[in-house]
Amino acid sequence: MGVAAYLGRAINPHKARKRRLESLLGQYREHAKEWEDPGLLQTGVHAEWRKKYQAQLVAGMKELVEEICELRKVKDMRRVGQKAEEIDGLIEQAAEIMGEQYKAQYKLPSEVDEEIEQEKAELEKLIDEVETRQARLDIKTRMRLIWVDEADQAREWTYAQVLAWAEENIAAGYTQFFQSLQETELDGAAMCEMTREDVGEMAGVAGFRLKVLYSKVKHRFGEAAR
């Protein structure tokens, strides 16, 4: 084995953490029996040491969970087999730690079964919510793309096309704006460049009526980058 390969293996953070947690778990188990001695429990001897080890196990569990989540995000198909093996190893080590934590809480197997069923039900609800939100996001994203396509087309319009659109969609409610369009002869690109102030001045409106008119214009012709 070359020096670089040896050093790479020696400082591999995943292997180092695995050895560290295995050592920690071994020490915890070694002391667990004496910590549970009735006499020591009553006097509180080793209580601080027990808390220290338990806190370290909690931190170790957090590290393992985070790495499992990161590995599950990996999309590289070339690593599918390796990734599955790594995840399984992490879950195995985390299960050992969790087992000691639950034993320290004197949890019965039946109580753990109840927790598993409850968490499965909660997870199913979360998955349903995520899928619903993803569907709504997909719909909203597609809607926005449709608006972009429509605005791209409208920016190519001539003055005559802009006027025809205005006559059909806004002339009845905004007479002054329609008259101003006839005077200025704005094309689609110019309509896109118009600001809220421009629209308000041409239409002689403000407040909610301006909001309605401005949104109509921008939905049709898009918003220019500022």
C-alpha atoms as a PDB file:
ATOM      1  CA  MET A   1       0.000   0.000   0.000  1.00  0.00           C
ATOM      2  CA  GLY A   2       1.370   3.444  -0.953  1.00  0.00           C
ATOM      3  CA  VAL A   3       1.919   6.192   1.592  1.00  0.00           C
ATOM      4  CA  ALA A   4      -0.927   8.333   0.209  1.00  0.00           C
ATOM      5  CA  ALA A   5      -3.346   5.430   0.332  1.00  0.00           C
ATOM      6  CA  TYR A   6      -2.248   4.553   3.859  1.00  0.00           C
ATOM      7  CA  LEU A   7      -2.636   8.139   5.071  1.00  0.00           C
ATOM      8  CA  GLY A   8      -6.020   8.411   3.309  1.00  0.00           C
ATOM      9  CA  ARG A   9      -7.245   5.322   5.100  1.00  0.00           C
ATOM     10  CA  ALA A  10      -5.758   6.452   8.405  1.00  0.00           C
ATOM     11  CA  ILE A  11      -7.515   9.817   8.407  1.00  0.00           C
ATOM     12  CA  ASN A  12     -10.817   8.692   6.832  1.00  0.00           C
ATOM     13  CA  PRO A  13     -13.329  10.600   9.017  1.00  0.00           C
ATOM     14  CA  HIS A  14     -16.070   7.990   8.600  1.00  0.00           C
ATOM     15  CA  LYS A  15     -13.866   5.120   9.763  1.00  0.00           C
ATOM     16  CA  ALA A  16     -12.471   7.261  12.577  1.00  0.00           C
ATOM     17  CA  ARG A  17     -15.980   8.076  13.782  1.00  0.00           C
ATOM     18  CA  LYS A  18     -17.017   4.436  13.558  1.00  0.00           C
ATOM     19  CA  ARG A  19     -14.089   3.380  15.757  1.00  0.00           C
ATOM     20  CA  ARG A  20     -14.760   6.242  18.173  1.00  0.00           C
ATOM     21  CA  LEU A  21     -18.427   5.319  18.588  1.00  0.00           C
ATOM     22  CA  GLU A  22     -17.630   1.618  18.911  1.00  0.00           C
ATOM     23  CA  SER A  23     -15.163   2.449  21.692  1.00  0.00           C
ATOM     24  CA  LEU A  24     -17.682   4.737  23.384  1.00  0.00           C
ATOM     25  CA  LEU A  25     -20.428   2.104  23.185  1.00  0.00           C
ATOM     26  CA  GLY A  26     -18.052  -0.521  24.599  1.00  0.00           C
ATOM     27  CA  GLN A  27     -17.171   1.696  27.551  1.00  0.00           C
ATOM     28  CA  TYR A  28     -20.828   2.463  28.155  1.00  0.00           C
ATOM     29  CA  ARG A  29     -21.730  -1.218  28.228  1.00  0.00           C
ATOM     30  CA  GLU A  30     -18.775  -1.992  30.461  1.00  0.00           C
ATOM     31  CA  HIS A  31     -19.956   0.448  33.096  1.00  0.00           C
ATOM     32  CA  ALA A  32     -23.710  -0.095  32.632  1.00  0.00           C
ATOM     33  CA  LYS A  33     -23.946  -3.003  35.087  1.00  0.00           C
ATOM     34  CA  GLU A  34     -22.266  -1.179  37.938  1.00  0.00           C
ATOM     35  CA  TRP A  35     -24.333   1.938  37.235  1.00  0.00           C
ATOM     36  CA  GLU A  36     -27.498  -0.127  37.676  1.00  0.00           C
ATOM     37  CA  ASP A  37     -26.386  -1.543  41.023  1.00  0.00           C
ATOM     38  CA  PRO A  38     -29.213  -0.687  43.478  1.00  0.00           C
ATOM     39  CA  GLY A  39     -26.793   0.653  46.065  1.00  0.00           C
ATOM     40  CA  LEU A  40     -25.088   2.939  43.578  1.00  0.00           C
ATOM     41  CA  LEU A  41     -28.408   4.117  42.168  1.00  0.00           C
ATOM     42  CA  GLN A  42     -29.576   5.142  45.633  1.00  0.00           C
ATOM     43  CA  THR A  43     -26.385   7.023  46.469  1.00  0.00           C
ATOM     44  CA  GLY A  44     -26.047   8.654  43.037  1.00  0.00           C
ATOM     45  CA  VAL A  45     -22.502   7.368  42.576  1.00  0.00           C
ATOM     46  CA  HIS A  46     -21.318   7.574  38.938  1.00  0.00           C
ATOM     47  CA  ALA A  47     -24.420   9.587  37.986  1.00  0.00           C
ATOM     48  CA  GLU A  48     -22.329  12.302  36.351  1.00  0.00           C
ATOM     49  CA  TRP A  49     -20.285   9.755  34.416  1.00  0.00           C
ATOM     50  CA  ARG A  50     -23.456   8.103  33.183  1.00  0.00           C
ATOM     51  CA  LYS A  51     -24.870  11.425  32.000  1.00  0.00           C
ATOM     52  CA  LYS A  52     -21.591  12.162  30.216  1.00  0.00           C
ATOM     53  CA  TYR A  53     -21.611   8.855  28.315  1.00  0.00           C
ATOM     54  CA  GLN A  54     -25.303   9.191  27.454  1.00  0.00           C
ATOM     55  CA  ALA A  55     -24.758  12.715  26.116  1.00  0.00           C
ATOM     56  CA  GLN A  56     -21.917  11.433  23.928  1.00  0.00           C
ATOM     57  CA  LEU A  57     -24.121   8.635  22.619  1.00  0.00           C
ATOM     58  CA  VAL A  58     -26.865  11.136  21.766  1.00  0.00           C
ATOM     59  CA  ALA A  59     -24.315  13.242  19.852  1.00  0.00           C
ATOM     60  CA  GLY A  60     -23.046  10.131  18.077  1.00  0.00           C
ATOM     61  CA  MET A  61     -26.559   9.138  17.094  1.00  0.00           C
ATOM     62  CA  LYS A  62     -27.114  12.625  15.635  1.00  0.00           C
ATOM     63  CA  GLU A  63     -23.958  12.282  13.521  1.00  0.00           C
ATOM     64  CA  LEU A  64     -25.073   8.902  12.180  1.00  0.00           C
ATOM     65  CA  VAL A  65     -28.585  10.108  11.327  1.00  0.00           C
ATOM     66  CA  GLU A  66     -27.185  13.137   9.488  1.00  0.00           C
ATOM     67  CA  GLU A  67     -24.815  10.977   7.447  1.00  0.00           C
ATOM     68  CA  ILE A  68     -27.577   8.496   6.577  1.00  0.00           C
ATOM     69  CA  CYS A  69     -29.677  11.407   5.294  1.00  0.00           C
ATOM     70  CA  GLU A  70     -26.770  12.783   3.250  1.00  0.00           C
ATOM     71  CA  LEU A  71     -26.041   9.405   1.683  1.00  0.00           C
ATOM     72  CA  ARG A  72     -29.693   8.977   0.718  1.00  0.00           C
ATOM     73  CA  LYS A  73     -29.445  12.235  -1.241  1.00  0.00           C
ATOM     74  CA  VAL A  74     -26.584  10.912  -3.400  1.00  0.00           C
ATOM     75  CA  LYS A  75     -27.796  10.523  -6.999  1.00  0.00           C
ATOM     76  CA  ASP A  76     -24.652   8.966  -8.518  1.00  0.00           C
ATOM     77  CA  MET A  77     -25.882   5.666  -9.995  1.00  0.00           C
ATOM     78  CA  ARG A  78     -22.329   4.345 -10.022  1.00  0.00           C
ATOM     79  CA  ARG A  79     -22.419   4.352  -6.228  1.00  0.00           C
ATOM     80  CA  VAL A  80     -25.790   2.681  -5.720  1.00  0.00           C
ATOM     81  CA  GLY A  81     -24.406  -0.587  -4.329  1.00  0.00           C
ATOM     82  CA  GLN A  82     -21.715   1.098  -2.261  1.00  0.00           C
ATOM     83  CA  LYS A  83     -24.193   3.643  -0.917  1.00  0.00           C
ATOM     84  CA  ALA A  84     -26.645   0.952   0.174  1.00  0.00           C
ATOM     85  CA  GLU A  85     -23.877  -0.907   1.990  1.00  0.00           C
ATOM     86  CA  GLU A  86     -22.686   2.262   3.737  1.00  0.00           C
ATOM     87  CA  ILE A  87     -26.213   3.178   4.821  1.00  0.00           C
ATOM     88  CA  ASP A  88     -26.834  -0.319   6.162  1.00  0.00           C
ATOM     89  CA  GLY A  89     -23.624  -0.129   8.188  1.00  0.00           C
ATOM     90  CA  LEU A  90     -24.582   3.245   9.640  1.00  0.00           C
ATOM     91  CA  ILE A  91     -28.075   2.025  10.534  1.00  0.00           C
ATOM     92  CA  GLU A  92     -26.594  -1.032  12.232  1.00  0.00           C
ATOM     93  CA  GLN A  93     -24.283   1.089  14.380  1.00  0.00           C
ATOM     94  CA  ALA A  94     -27.032   3.584  15.164  1.00  0.00           C
ATOM     95  CA  ALA A  95     -29.351   0.717  16.161  1.00  0.00           C
ATOM     96  CA  GLU A  96     -26.754  -0.500  18.659  1.00  0.00           C
ATOM     97  CA  ILE A  97     -26.579   2.958  20.219  1.00  0.00           C
ATOM     98  CA  MET A  98     -30.360   3.394  20.254  1.00  0.00           C
ATOM     99  CA  GLY A  99     -30.700  -0.011  21.882  1.00  0.00           C
ATOM    100  CA  GLU A 100     -28.542   1.064  24.798  1.00  0.00           C
ATOM    101  CA  GLN A 101     -30.445   4.347  25.112  1.00  0.00           C
ATOM    102  CA  TYR A 102     -33.798   2.543  25.254  1.00  0.00           C
ATOM    103  CA  LYS A 103     -32.509  -0.030  27.727  1.00  0.00           C
ATOM    104  CA  ALA A 104     -31.309   2.811  29.942  1.00  0.00           C
ATOM    105  CA  GLN A 105     -34.893   4.122  29.881  1.00  0.00           C
ATOM    106  CA  TYR A 106     -36.188   0.626  30.798  1.00  0.00           C
ATOM    107  CA  LYS A 107     -38.400   0.556  27.677  1.00  0.00           C
ATOM    108  CA  LEU A 108     -40.265  -2.684  27.053  1.00  0.00           C
ATOM    109  CA  PRO A 109     -40.154  -4.273  23.571  1.00  0.00           C
ATOM    110  CA  SER A 110     -43.933  -3.817  23.343  1.00  0.00           C
ATOM    111  CA  GLU A 111     -43.541  -0.094  24.075  1.00  0.00           C
ATOM    112  CA  VAL A 112     -41.010   0.198  21.266  1.00  0.00           C
ATOM    113  CA  ASP A 113     -43.429  -1.617  18.932  1.00  0.00           C
ATOM    114  CA  GLU A 114     -46.095   0.955  19.771  1.00  0.00           C
ATOM    115  CA  GLU A 115     -43.658   3.795  19.040  1.00  0.00           C
ATOM    116  CA  ILE A 116     -42.746   2.244  15.689  1.00  0.00           C
ATOM    117  CA  GLU A 117     -46.396   1.971  14.627  1.00  0.00           C
ATOM    118  CA  GLN A 118     -47.117   5.514  15.758  1.00  0.00           C
ATOM    119  CA  GLU A 119     -44.093   6.912  13.908  1.00  0.00           C
ATOM    120  CA  LYS A 120     -45.036   4.969  10.764  1.00  0.00           C
ATOM    121  CA  ALA A 121     -48.487   6.558  10.828  1.00  0.00           C
ATOM    122  CA  GLU A 122     -47.014  10.027  11.383  1.00  0.00           C
ATOM    123  CA  LEU A 123     -44.525   9.508   8.561  1.00  0.00           C
ATOM    124  CA  GLU A 124     -47.288   8.465   6.160  1.00  0.00           C
ATOM    125  CA  LYS A 125     -49.127  11.712   6.938  1.00  0.00           C
ATOM    126  CA  LEU A 126     -45.944  13.718   6.343  1.00  0.00           C
ATOM    127  CA  ILE A 127     -45.321  11.918   3.040  1.00  0.00           C
ATOM    128  CA  ASP A 128     -48.893  12.675   1.939  1.00  0.00           C
ATOM    129  CA  GLU A 129     -48.382  16.331   2.844  1.00  0.00           C
ATOM    130  CA  VAL A 130     -45.056  16.513   0.997  1.00  0.00           C
ATOM    131  CA  GLU A 131     -46.602  14.911  -2.103  1.00  0.00           C
ATOM    132  CA  THR A 132     -49.519  17.363  -1.974  1.00  0.00           C
ATOM    133  CA  ARG A 133     -47.191  20.339  -1.618  1.00  0.00           C
ATOM    134  CA  GLN A 134     -44.975  19.024  -4.437  1.00  0.00           C
ATOM    135  CA  ALA A 135     -48.010  18.688  -6.710  1.00  0.00           C
ATOM    136  CA  ARG A 136     -49.086  22.258  -5.931  1.00  0.00           C
ATOM    137  CA  LEU A 137     -45.532  23.494  -6.536  1.00  0.00           C
ATOM    138  CA  ASP A 138     -45.403  21.663  -9.875  1.00  0.00           C
ATOM    139  CA  ILE A 139     -48.703  23.263 -10.875  1.00  0.00           C
ATOM    140  CA  LYS A 140     -47.588  26.750  -9.816  1.00  0.00           C
ATOM    141  CA  THR A 141     -44.260  26.373 -11.642  1.00  0.00           C
ATOM    142  CA  ARG A 142     -46.029  25.254 -14.832  1.00  0.00           C
ATOM    143  CA  MET A 143     -48.475  28.168 -14.517  1.00  0.00           C
ATOM    144  CA  ARG A 144     -45.547  30.590 -14.307  1.00  0.00           C
ATOM    145  CA  LEU A 145     -43.913  29.065 -17.376  1.00  0.00           C
ATOM    146  CA  ILE A 146     -47.172  29.497 -19.289  1.00  0.00           C
ATOM    147  CA  TRP A 147     -47.232  33.163 -18.286  1.00  0.00           C
ATOM    148  CA  VAL A 148     -43.627  33.556 -19.452  1.00  0.00           C
ATOM    149  CA  ASP A 149     -44.446  32.044 -22.852  1.00  0.00           C
ATOM    150  CA  GLU A 150     -47.512  34.248 -23.236  1.00  0.00           C
ATOM    151  CA  ALA A 151     -45.584  37.389 -22.272  1.00  0.00           C
ATOM    152  CA  ASP A 152     -42.742  36.504 -24.674  1.00  0.00           C
ATOM    153  CA  GLN A 153     -45.261  36.324 -27.502  1.00  0.00           C
ATOM    154  CA  ALA A 154     -47.023  39.552 -26.486  1.00  0.00           C
ATOM    155  CA  ARG A 155     -43.750  41.521 -26.405  1.00  0.00           C
ATOM    156  CA  GLU A 156     -43.479  40.867 -30.143  1.00  0.00           C
ATOM    157  CA  TRP A 157     -46.859  42.480 -30.811  1.00  0.00           C
ATOM    158  CA  THR A 158     -47.267  45.554 -32.972  1.00  0.00           C
ATOM    159  CA  TYR A 159     -49.154  48.611 -31.824  1.00  0.00           C
ATOM    160  CA  ALA A 160     -52.262  47.376 -33.688  1.00  0.00           C
ATOM    161  CA  GLN A 161     -52.175  44.052 -31.786  1.00  0.00           C
ATOM    162  CA  VAL A 162     -51.698  45.831 -28.460  1.00  0.00           C
ATOM    163  CA  LEU A 163     -54.638  48.103 -29.191  1.00  0.00           C
ATOM    164  CA  ALA A 164     -56.840  45.148 -30.164  1.00  0.00           C
ATOM    165  CA  TRP A 165     -55.982  43.408 -26.881  1.00  0.00           C
ATOM    166  CA  ALA A 166     -56.658  46.570 -24.872  1.00  0.00           C
ATOM    167  CA  GLU A 167     -59.985  47.150 -26.612  1.00  0.00           C
ATOM    168  CA  GLU A 168     -61.119  43.635 -25.736  1.00  0.00           C
ATOM    169  CA  ASN A 169     -59.789  43.449 -22.178  1.00  0.00           C
ATOM    170  CA  ILE A 170     -59.569  46.893 -20.551  1.00  0.00           C
ATOM    171  CA  ALA A 171     -61.164  49.625 -22.704  1.00  0.00           C
ATOM    172  CA  ALA A 172     -64.565  49.443 -21.004  1.00  0.00           C
ATOM    173  CA  GLY A 173     -63.221  49.935 -17.483  1.00  0.00           C
ATOM    174  CA  TYR A 174     -60.267  52.211 -18.226  1.00  0.00           C
ATOM    175  CA  THR A 175     -61.300  54.638 -20.944  1.00  0.00           C
ATOM    176  CA  GLN A 176     -58.482  57.130 -20.318  1.00  0.00           C
ATOM    177  CA  PHE A 177     -55.843  54.409 -20.513  1.00  0.00           C
ATOM    178  CA  PHE A 178     -57.259  53.156 -23.800  1.00  0.00           C
ATOM    179  CA  GLN A 179     -57.277  56.672 -25.224  1.00  0.00           C
ATOM    180  CA  SER A 180     -53.676  57.173 -24.096  1.00  0.00           C
ATOM    181  CA  LEU A 181     -52.675  53.968 -25.900  1.00  0.00           C
ATOM    182  CA  GLN A 182     -54.234  55.306 -29.094  1.00  0.00           C
ATOM    183  CA  GLU A 183     -52.202  58.511 -28.727  1.00  0.00           C
ATOM    184  CA  THR A 184     -48.855  56.917 -27.793  1.00  0.00           C
ATOM    185  CA  GLU A 185     -49.080  53.905 -30.146  1.00  0.00           C
ATOM    186  CA  LEU A 186     -47.084  51.637 -27.792  1.00  0.00           C
ATOM    187  CA  ASP A 187     -46.067  48.215 -29.026  1.00  0.00           C
ATOM    188  CA  GLY A 188     -45.660  45.025 -26.948  1.00  0.00           C
ATOM    189  CA  ALA A 189     -42.060  45.688 -25.937  1.00  0.00           C
ATOM    190  CA  ALA A 190     -42.965  49.190 -24.716  1.00  0.00           C
ATOM    191  CA  MET A 191     -45.883  47.804 -22.697  1.00  0.00           C
ATOM    192  CA  CYS A 192     -43.468  45.463 -20.935  1.00  0.00           C
ATOM    193  CA  GLU A 193     -41.217  48.388 -19.958  1.00  0.00           C
ATOM    194  CA  MET A 194     -44.058  50.370 -18.377  1.00  0.00           C
ATOM    195  CA  THR A 195     -43.848  50.942 -14.616  1.00  0.00           C
ATOM    196  CA  ARG A 196     -46.722  51.176 -12.169  1.00  0.00           C
ATOM    197  CA  GLU A 197     -46.332  54.947 -12.230  1.00  0.00           C
ATOM    198  CA  ASP A 198     -46.507  55.011 -16.032  1.00  0.00           C
ATOM    199  CA  VAL A 199     -49.730  53.003 -16.039  1.00  0.00           C
ATOM    200  CA  GLY A 200     -51.263  55.130 -13.281  1.00  0.00           C
ATOM    201  CA  GLU A 201     -50.449  58.345 -15.137  1.00  0.00           C
ATOM    202  CA  MET A 202     -51.858  57.076 -18.455  1.00  0.00           C
ATOM    203  CA  ALA A 203     -55.028  55.747 -16.818  1.00  0.00           C
ATOM    204  CA  GLY A 204     -55.562  58.499 -14.273  1.00  0.00           C
ATOM    205  CA  VAL A 205     -56.220  55.958 -11.512  1.00  0.00           C
ATOM    206  CA  ALA A 206     -54.622  54.949  -8.210  1.00  0.00           C
ATOM    207  CA  GLY A 207     -55.090  52.474  -5.381  1.00  0.00           C
ATOM    208  CA  PHE A 208     -56.954  49.256  -6.064  1.00  0.00           C
ATOM    209  CA  ARG A 209     -58.044  50.243  -9.589  1.00  0.00           C
ATOM    210  CA  LEU A 210     -54.409  50.840 -10.495  1.00  0.00           C
ATOM    211  CA  LYS A 211     -53.449  47.475  -8.990  1.00  0.00           C
ATOM    212  CA  VAL A 212     -56.040  45.707 -11.140  1.00  0.00           C
ATOM    213  CA  LEU A 213     -55.017  47.477 -14.347  1.00  0.00           C
ATOM    214  CA  TYR A 214     -51.279  47.112 -13.743  1.00  0.00           C
ATOM    215  CA  SER A 215     -51.624  43.372 -13.065  1.00  0.00           C
ATOM    216  CA  LYS A 216     -53.565  42.941 -16.325  1.00  0.00           C
ATOM    217  CA  VAL A 217     -50.817  44.692 -18.266  1.00  0.00           C
ATOM    218  CA  LYS A 218     -48.001  42.743 -16.628  1.00  0.00           C
ATOM    219  CA  HIS A 219     -49.710  39.374 -16.899  1.00  0.00           C
ATOM    220  CA  ARG A 220     -50.028  39.991 -20.636  1.00  0.00           C
ATOM    221  CA  PHE A 221     -46.668  41.636 -21.425  1.00  0.00           C
ATOM    222  CA  GLY A 222     -44.430  40.589 -18.529  1.00  0.00           C
ATOM    223  CA  GLU A 223     -42.285  42.615 -16.142  1.00  0.00           C
ATOM    224  CA  ALA A 224     -39.066  44.192 -17.353  1.00  0.00           C
ATOM    225  CA  ALA A 225     -35.933  43.454 -15.310  1.00  0.00           C
ATOM    226  CA  ARG A 226     -35.002  46.436 -13.161  1.00  0.00           C
END
